[in-house]
Protein backbone atom coordinates (compact mmCIF):
# COMPACT_ATOMS: atom_id res chain seq x y z
CA MET A 1 100.50 114.26 104.58
CA LYS A 2 99.01 116.95 102.62
CA PRO A 3 100.64 120.10 101.37
CA ILE A 4 99.27 122.31 104.30
CA ASP A 5 100.99 119.64 106.51
CA TYR A 6 104.26 120.03 105.14
CA ARG A 7 104.07 123.86 105.25
CA ASN A 8 103.17 123.72 109.01
CA GLU A 9 105.47 120.82 109.84
CA SER A 10 109.12 120.63 110.95
CA TRP A 11 111.42 117.86 110.19
CA GLU A 12 112.18 117.42 113.75
CA ARG A 13 108.49 116.80 114.61
CA VAL A 14 108.21 114.36 111.84
CA GLN A 15 111.19 112.42 112.83
CA ALA A 16 109.96 112.35 116.51
CA ARG A 17 107.02 110.24 115.15
CA LEU A 18 109.36 107.36 114.34
CA VAL A 19 109.18 105.75 117.83
CA LEU A 20 108.22 102.42 119.44
CA ASP A 21 106.67 99.93 116.94
CA ARG A 22 107.08 102.37 114.12
CA ALA A 23 110.76 102.52 114.68
CA ARG A 24 110.98 98.75 114.96
CA VAL A 25 108.97 98.05 111.78
CA HIS A 26 111.10 100.71 110.00
CA SER A 27 114.23 99.09 111.05
CA ALA A 28 113.03 95.60 110.11
CA LEU A 29 112.07 96.93 106.67
CA ILE A 30 115.59 98.45 106.30
CA THR A 31 117.24 95.28 106.98
CA SER A 32 114.73 93.02 104.99
CA GLY A 33 114.75 95.26 101.98
CA PRO A 34 111.76 95.88 99.88
CA CYS A 35 108.77 93.24 100.64
CA THR A 36 105.15 92.90 101.44
CA THR A 37 103.81 93.63 104.80
CA ARG A 38 102.95 89.77 105.20
CA HIS A 39 106.64 88.98 104.43
CA LEU A 40 107.97 91.67 106.91
CA ALA A 41 105.36 90.29 109.53
CA ALA A 42 106.63 86.68 109.07
CA LYS A 43 110.43 87.95 109.24
CA MET A 44 109.71 89.88 112.40
CA GLY A 45 107.58 87.23 114.15
CA TRP A 46 104.88 89.58 114.53
CA ASP A 47 101.20 89.51 113.46
CA ILE A 48 100.46 90.98 110.19
CA LEU A 49 97.69 93.19 111.89
CA ASN A 50 100.45 94.87 113.96
CA VAL A 51 102.87 95.36 111.13
CA ARG A 52 100.45 96.48 108.20
CA PRO A 53 99.08 99.66 110.18
CA ARG A 54 102.60 100.44 111.10
CA VAL A 55 103.87 100.63 107.49
CA THR A 56 100.86 102.52 106.44
CA GLU A 57 101.73 105.16 109.11
CA LEU A 58 105.47 105.05 107.90
CA VAL A 59 104.15 105.83 104.39
CA GLN A 60 102.00 108.74 105.68
CA ILE A 61 105.00 110.38 107.61
CA GLY A 62 107.44 109.63 104.83
CA PHE A 63 109.68 106.99 106.14
CA ALA A 64 108.58 104.04 103.75
CA ALA A 65 107.19 104.05 100.16
CA LEU A 66 105.19 101.67 98.16
CA VAL A 67 107.45 100.56 95.34
CA ASP A 68 105.43 97.71 93.47
CA ARG A 69 102.31 95.60 93.71
CA ALA A 70 103.10 92.02 94.40
CA SER A 71 102.30 89.27 92.00
CA SER A 72 98.86 88.74 93.58
CA GLY A 73 97.75 92.35 93.03
CA TYR A 74 96.26 92.77 96.49
CA GLU A 75 99.56 93.28 98.49
CA GLY A 76 101.96 96.24 98.05
CA VAL A 77 105.69 95.90 98.11
CA TYR A 78 107.16 98.56 100.40
CA ARG A 79 110.71 99.86 101.05
CA ALA A 80 111.97 101.75 103.95
CA LEU A 81 113.57 105.22 103.30
CA PRO A 82 116.70 105.88 105.05
CA PHE A 83 116.81 109.01 107.20
CA ALA A 84 118.64 111.10 104.70
CA GLU A 85 116.47 110.34 102.01
CA ALA A 86 113.30 110.84 104.19
CA LYS A 87 114.48 114.23 105.09
CA ARG A 88 115.38 115.29 101.70
CA ASN A 89 111.87 114.35 100.41
CA PHE A 90 110.34 116.16 103.19
CA GLU A 91 112.29 119.21 102.55
CA GLU A 92 111.38 119.19 98.74
CA LYS A 93 107.67 118.81 99.71
CA ARG A 94 107.93 121.56 102.28
CA ARG A 95 109.54 123.96 100.06
CA ALA A 96 106.82 123.25 97.24
CA ALA A 97 104.20 123.90 99.89
CA LEU A 98 105.60 127.04 100.90
CA GLU A 99 105.97 128.28 97.36
CA ALA A 100 102.40 127.14 96.58
CA ASN A 101 101.17 129.15 99.71
CA GLN A 102 103.16 132.24 98.60
CA LEU A 103 101.57 132.11 95.10
CA ASN A 104 98.17 131.88 96.64
CA LEU A 105 98.92 134.93 98.80
CA LEU A 106 99.73 137.14 95.80
């Protein structure tokens, strides 16, 4: 999300996006711990083409983070952010976006 997205968004609306396959992937990523999307897909028994986009979406809405590059250099290692951490990160980014907006109005 961009700063303007944080400024105009609420935590409840962000959290409401964690549904269906996103919620399943988030839960599996919490259970698995940091891993690649390929590893996560194998653990879930899903096709990687169903898992990888969900992980990308989780990163975009703040419920997962890239923590490392796999040894191959082509795959990322991702970890799920628990709700409390995701909310804290969201609130920090929202506060910064609001402050930046205030500075621009001066």
